[in-house]
Protein backbone atom coordinates (compact mmCIF):
# COMPACT_ATOMS: atom_id res chain seq x y z
CA MET A 1 49.43 -69.82 241.14
CA THR A 2 52.59 -71.53 242.33
CA ASP A 3 55.12 -69.60 244.37
CA LYS A 4 58.65 -70.01 243.05
CA VAL A 5 61.47 -68.64 245.14
CA SER A 6 65.18 -69.30 244.78
CA ILE A 7 68.03 -68.64 247.16
CA LEU A 8 70.88 -66.84 245.43
CA ILE A 9 74.49 -67.14 246.58
CA CYS A 10 76.36 -64.51 244.61
CA GLY A 11 79.92 -63.26 244.65
CA LYS A 12 83.31 -64.76 245.24
CA LEU A 13 83.07 -68.39 246.33
CA ASN A 14 83.77 -69.18 249.94
CA ARG A 15 83.67 -72.42 251.87
CA THR A 16 81.19 -71.17 254.47
CA SER A 17 78.41 -70.67 251.93
CA ILE A 18 79.05 -74.00 250.24
CA GLU A 19 79.31 -75.88 253.54
CA ASN A 20 75.84 -74.56 254.44
CA LEU A 21 74.13 -75.69 251.23
CA HIS A 22 72.39 -78.50 253.12
CA ASN A 23 70.60 -75.81 255.17
CA TYR A 24 69.57 -73.74 252.15
CA THR A 25 68.38 -76.67 250.03
CA LYS A 26 65.90 -77.78 252.69
CA TYR A 27 63.67 -74.91 251.69
CA LYS A 28 64.16 -73.85 248.08
CA GLU A 29 66.20 -74.12 244.93
CA VAL A 30 69.68 -72.61 245.29
CA ILE A 31 71.51 -70.73 242.54
CA ILE A 32 75.25 -70.17 242.96
CA CYS A 33 76.62 -67.36 240.83
CA CYS A 34 80.41 -67.06 240.86
CA TRP A 35 83.32 -65.87 238.76
CA ARG A 36 85.37 -68.05 236.45
CA ASP A 37 88.57 -67.03 238.28
CA ASP A 38 87.21 -68.22 241.66
CA ASN A 39 88.60 -71.37 243.25
CA LEU A 40 86.10 -73.71 241.57
CA LYS A 41 87.47 -76.68 243.55
CA ILE A 42 85.23 -75.39 246.36
CA LEU A 43 82.30 -76.70 244.28
CA ASP A 44 83.58 -80.29 244.28
CA GLY A 45 80.84 -82.64 245.47
CA ILE A 46 78.06 -80.16 244.82
CA ASP A 47 76.48 -82.49 242.26
CA SER A 48 75.01 -84.45 245.17
CA PHE A 49 72.36 -81.71 245.49
CA ASP A 50 69.38 -82.00 243.13
CA ASN A 51 68.14 -78.43 243.52
CA VAL A 52 71.38 -76.46 243.08
CA LYS A 53 72.26 -74.66 239.86
CA ILE A 54 75.63 -73.05 239.15
CA LEU A 55 76.19 -69.99 236.98
CA ILE A 56 79.84 -69.21 236.27
CA ILE A 57 80.50 -65.79 234.72
CA GLU A 58 83.50 -63.84 233.54
CA PRO A 59 84.81 -61.33 236.08
CA VAL A 60 84.35 -57.64 235.30
CA HIS A 61 87.47 -56.24 233.67
CA GLU A 62 89.29 -53.50 235.57
CA SER A 63 88.84 -51.09 232.69
CA ALA A 64 85.04 -51.39 232.75
CA LYS A 65 83.24 -48.11 233.36
CA LYS A 66 81.99 -47.83 236.92
CA PHE A 67 78.78 -46.02 237.79
């Protein structure tokens, strides 16, 4: 059996996480999950990494029920 592990960066985008991608990608696949209203310019140049996937989602609306 093959072990498959991914590193997940989730939440509002910030430069610190993106600037450290070279450290994360040494070990495993990296998945970045962010919101559509984030500053997506932070992701410029990220296509130079082969093992990084980006998932952009809609932010939760303020009227959503909270648990």
